Amino acid sequence: MNRKDKKIKEKSFGAVIINEYQEFLLIKHRFGEHWDFPKGHKENDETDKETVLREVMEETGLLITIIDGFKEKTRYSPREGTEKTITFYMGFSTGKVTIENEEVLDYAFLSYEDALERITFNESKEVLKKAKNFKDTFLNANID
């Protein structure tokens, strides 16, 4: 295999966040102006979940509780020769969003249908579908 055939592998970590109204949080990323979930790269010796908590805090100002049992990965190529994997967890927050202007243009808490329509990339739409199924199957099972 020559050098040209070697793929660069990037990893990011993010969160599908729901609030007390069962709405999903999306942010409009400054770079690319796409609607997606909060996400980013590891720093130093962070664990995957520590990265998620930090990135969500940096981009939205929210403290979230990660919900056990949900973990989805997407893979795509942002540019030739690069393979990117994003691992998404699910988080819950009742806080108020304060967006960080360096990376985020806007945000919205949306119903499942509106979030599915607003998300830019098909890979993230699939993550949202799996998150809704997880929420409906496992999280709502104990609601009276």
Protein backbone atom coordinates (compact mmCIF):
# COMPACT_ATOMS: atom_id res chain seq x y z
CA MET A 1 0.00 0.00 0.00
CA ASN A 2 1.48 3.33 -0.95
CA ARG A 3 1.22 6.52 1.02
CA LYS A 4 -1.52 7.90 -1.21
CA ASP A 5 -3.85 5.00 -0.35
CA LYS A 6 -3.56 5.47 3.41
CA LYS A 7 -6.69 7.04 4.93
CA ILE A 8 -6.55 9.61 7.69
CA LYS A 9 -8.92 8.58 10.48
CA GLU A 10 -10.66 11.28 12.51
CA LYS A 11 -12.86 10.70 15.55
CA SER A 12 -15.45 12.98 17.08
CA PHE A 13 -17.93 12.53 19.91
CA GLY A 14 -21.34 14.12 20.30
CA ALA A 15 -24.72 13.95 21.98
CA VAL A 16 -28.35 13.68 21.02
CA ILE A 17 -29.85 15.87 23.75
CA ILE A 18 -33.46 15.80 24.91
CA ASN A 19 -35.14 18.15 27.35
CA GLU A 20 -38.02 17.75 29.79
CA TYR A 21 -40.51 18.30 26.95
CA GLN A 22 -38.99 15.39 24.98
CA GLU A 23 -37.64 17.83 22.39
CA PHE A 24 -34.32 17.31 20.61
CA LEU A 25 -31.56 19.94 20.59
CA LEU A 26 -29.95 20.86 17.29
CA ILE A 27 -27.30 23.48 16.72
CA LYS A 28 -26.37 25.33 13.55
CA HIS A 29 -22.61 24.95 13.17
CA ARG A 30 -20.74 28.07 12.02
CA PHE A 31 -18.43 26.12 9.72
CA GLY A 32 -20.61 24.71 6.97
CA GLU A 33 -23.78 26.27 8.42
CA HIS A 34 -25.34 22.83 8.86
CA TRP A 35 -27.83 21.73 11.49
CA ASP A 36 -26.64 18.82 13.61
CA PHE A 37 -25.98 17.67 17.15
CA PRO A 38 -23.25 19.18 19.37
CA LYS A 39 -19.98 17.32 18.81
CA GLY A 40 -16.21 17.67 18.70
CA HIS A 41 -12.76 16.14 19.07
CA LYS A 42 -11.01 14.76 22.15
CA GLU A 43 -8.51 16.87 24.02
CA ASN A 44 -5.57 15.42 25.93
CA ASP A 45 -6.47 12.25 27.87
CA GLU A 46 -10.25 12.67 27.91
CA THR A 47 -12.53 9.66 27.81
CA ASP A 48 -15.22 9.55 25.12
CA LYS A 49 -17.91 10.68 27.58
CA GLU A 50 -15.72 13.45 29.03
CA THR A 51 -15.30 14.76 25.48
CA VAL A 52 -19.08 14.75 24.99
CA LEU A 53 -19.70 16.61 28.25
CA ARG A 54 -17.04 19.24 27.47
CA GLU A 55 -18.11 19.78 23.86
CA VAL A 56 -21.78 20.14 24.82
CA MET A 57 -20.82 22.63 27.56
CA GLU A 58 -18.57 24.62 25.18
CA GLU A 59 -21.11 24.76 22.36
CA THR A 60 -24.38 25.13 24.29
CA GLY A 61 -23.59 26.02 27.90
CA LEU A 62 -25.57 22.95 29.01
CA LEU A 63 -24.68 20.42 31.65
CA ILE A 64 -26.09 17.12 30.50
CA THR A 65 -26.64 13.74 32.08
CA ILE A 66 -25.57 10.95 29.73
CA ILE A 67 -28.25 8.26 29.49
CA ASP A 68 -26.85 4.75 29.59
CA GLY A 69 -27.71 2.35 26.80
CA PHE A 70 -27.54 4.61 23.74
CA LYS A 71 -24.40 4.72 21.59
CA GLU A 72 -24.47 5.15 17.82
CA LYS A 73 -21.66 5.65 15.32
CA THR A 74 -21.68 7.30 11.92
CA ARG A 75 -18.92 7.21 9.35
CA TYR A 76 -18.36 9.46 6.37
CA SER A 77 -15.60 11.10 4.35
CA PRO A 78 -15.45 14.89 4.86
CA ARG A 79 -12.71 15.11 2.21
CA GLU A 80 -10.74 12.78 0.00
CA GLY A 81 -8.42 10.48 1.94
CA THR A 82 -10.17 11.07 5.28
CA GLU A 83 -12.57 8.78 7.12
CA LYS A 84 -14.44 10.34 10.03
CA THR A 85 -16.24 8.42 12.76
CA ILE A 86 -18.62 10.21 15.10
CA THR A 87 -19.84 8.42 18.22
CA PHE A 88 -23.09 9.79 19.62
CA TYR A 89 -24.42 9.32 23.14
CA MET A 90 -27.79 10.48 24.43
CA GLY A 91 -28.02 13.19 27.04
CA PHE A 92 -30.70 14.90 29.09
CA SER A 93 -30.76 18.53 30.18
CA THR A 94 -33.23 20.95 31.72
CA GLY A 95 -30.87 23.90 31.43
CA LYS A 96 -30.95 27.04 29.33
CA VAL A 97 -28.84 27.11 26.18
CA THR A 98 -26.23 29.84 25.84
CA ILE A 99 -24.56 29.46 22.48
CA GLU A 100 -20.86 29.95 22.01
CA ASN A 101 -20.42 32.22 18.98
CA GLU A 102 -17.06 30.91 17.78
CA GLU A 103 -18.53 27.63 16.56
CA VAL A 104 -22.32 27.92 16.81
CA LEU A 105 -24.68 30.25 14.92
CA ASP A 106 -28.04 29.17 16.31
CA TYR A 107 -29.88 26.43 18.21
CA ALA A 108 -33.36 24.99 18.52
CA PHE A 109 -35.20 22.46 20.67
CA LEU A 110 -37.51 20.68 18.24
CA SER A 111 -40.09 17.93 18.09
CA TYR A 112 -38.86 14.72 16.50
CA GLU A 113 -40.59 15.53 13.19
CA ASP A 114 -39.20 19.07 13.03
CA ALA A 115 -35.71 17.92 14.04
CA LEU A 116 -35.75 15.21 11.36
CA GLU A 117 -36.66 17.83 8.78
CA ARG A 118 -34.05 20.35 9.95
CA ILE A 119 -30.98 18.07 10.28
CA THR A 120 -28.70 18.60 7.30
CA PHE A 121 -26.98 15.22 6.91
CA ASN A 122 -28.64 11.84 6.32
CA GLU A 123 -26.23 10.10 8.72
CA SER A 124 -27.45 12.32 11.54
CA LYS A 125 -31.08 11.77 10.55
CA GLU A 126 -30.46 8.04 11.05
CA VAL A 127 -28.96 8.72 14.49
CA LEU A 128 -32.05 10.78 15.38
CA LYS A 129 -34.37 7.94 14.27
CA LYS A 130 -32.45 5.49 16.49
CA ALA A 131 -32.49 7.97 19.39
CA LYS A 132 -36.26 8.39 19.11
CA ASN A 133 -36.74 4.63 19.04
CA PHE A 134 -34.49 4.28 22.11
CA LYS A 135 -36.37 7.07 23.90
CA ASP A 136 -39.78 5.62 23.04
CA THR A 137 -38.82 2.03 23.86
CA PHE A 138 -36.63 2.38 26.94
CA LEU A 139 -37.09 5.81 28.47
CA ASN A 140 -40.87 6.07 28.13
CA ALA A 141 -41.44 2.50 29.35
CA ASN A 142 -41.60 3.67 32.98
CA ILE A 143 -43.85 6.69 32.46
CA ASP A 144 -47.35 6.29 33.95
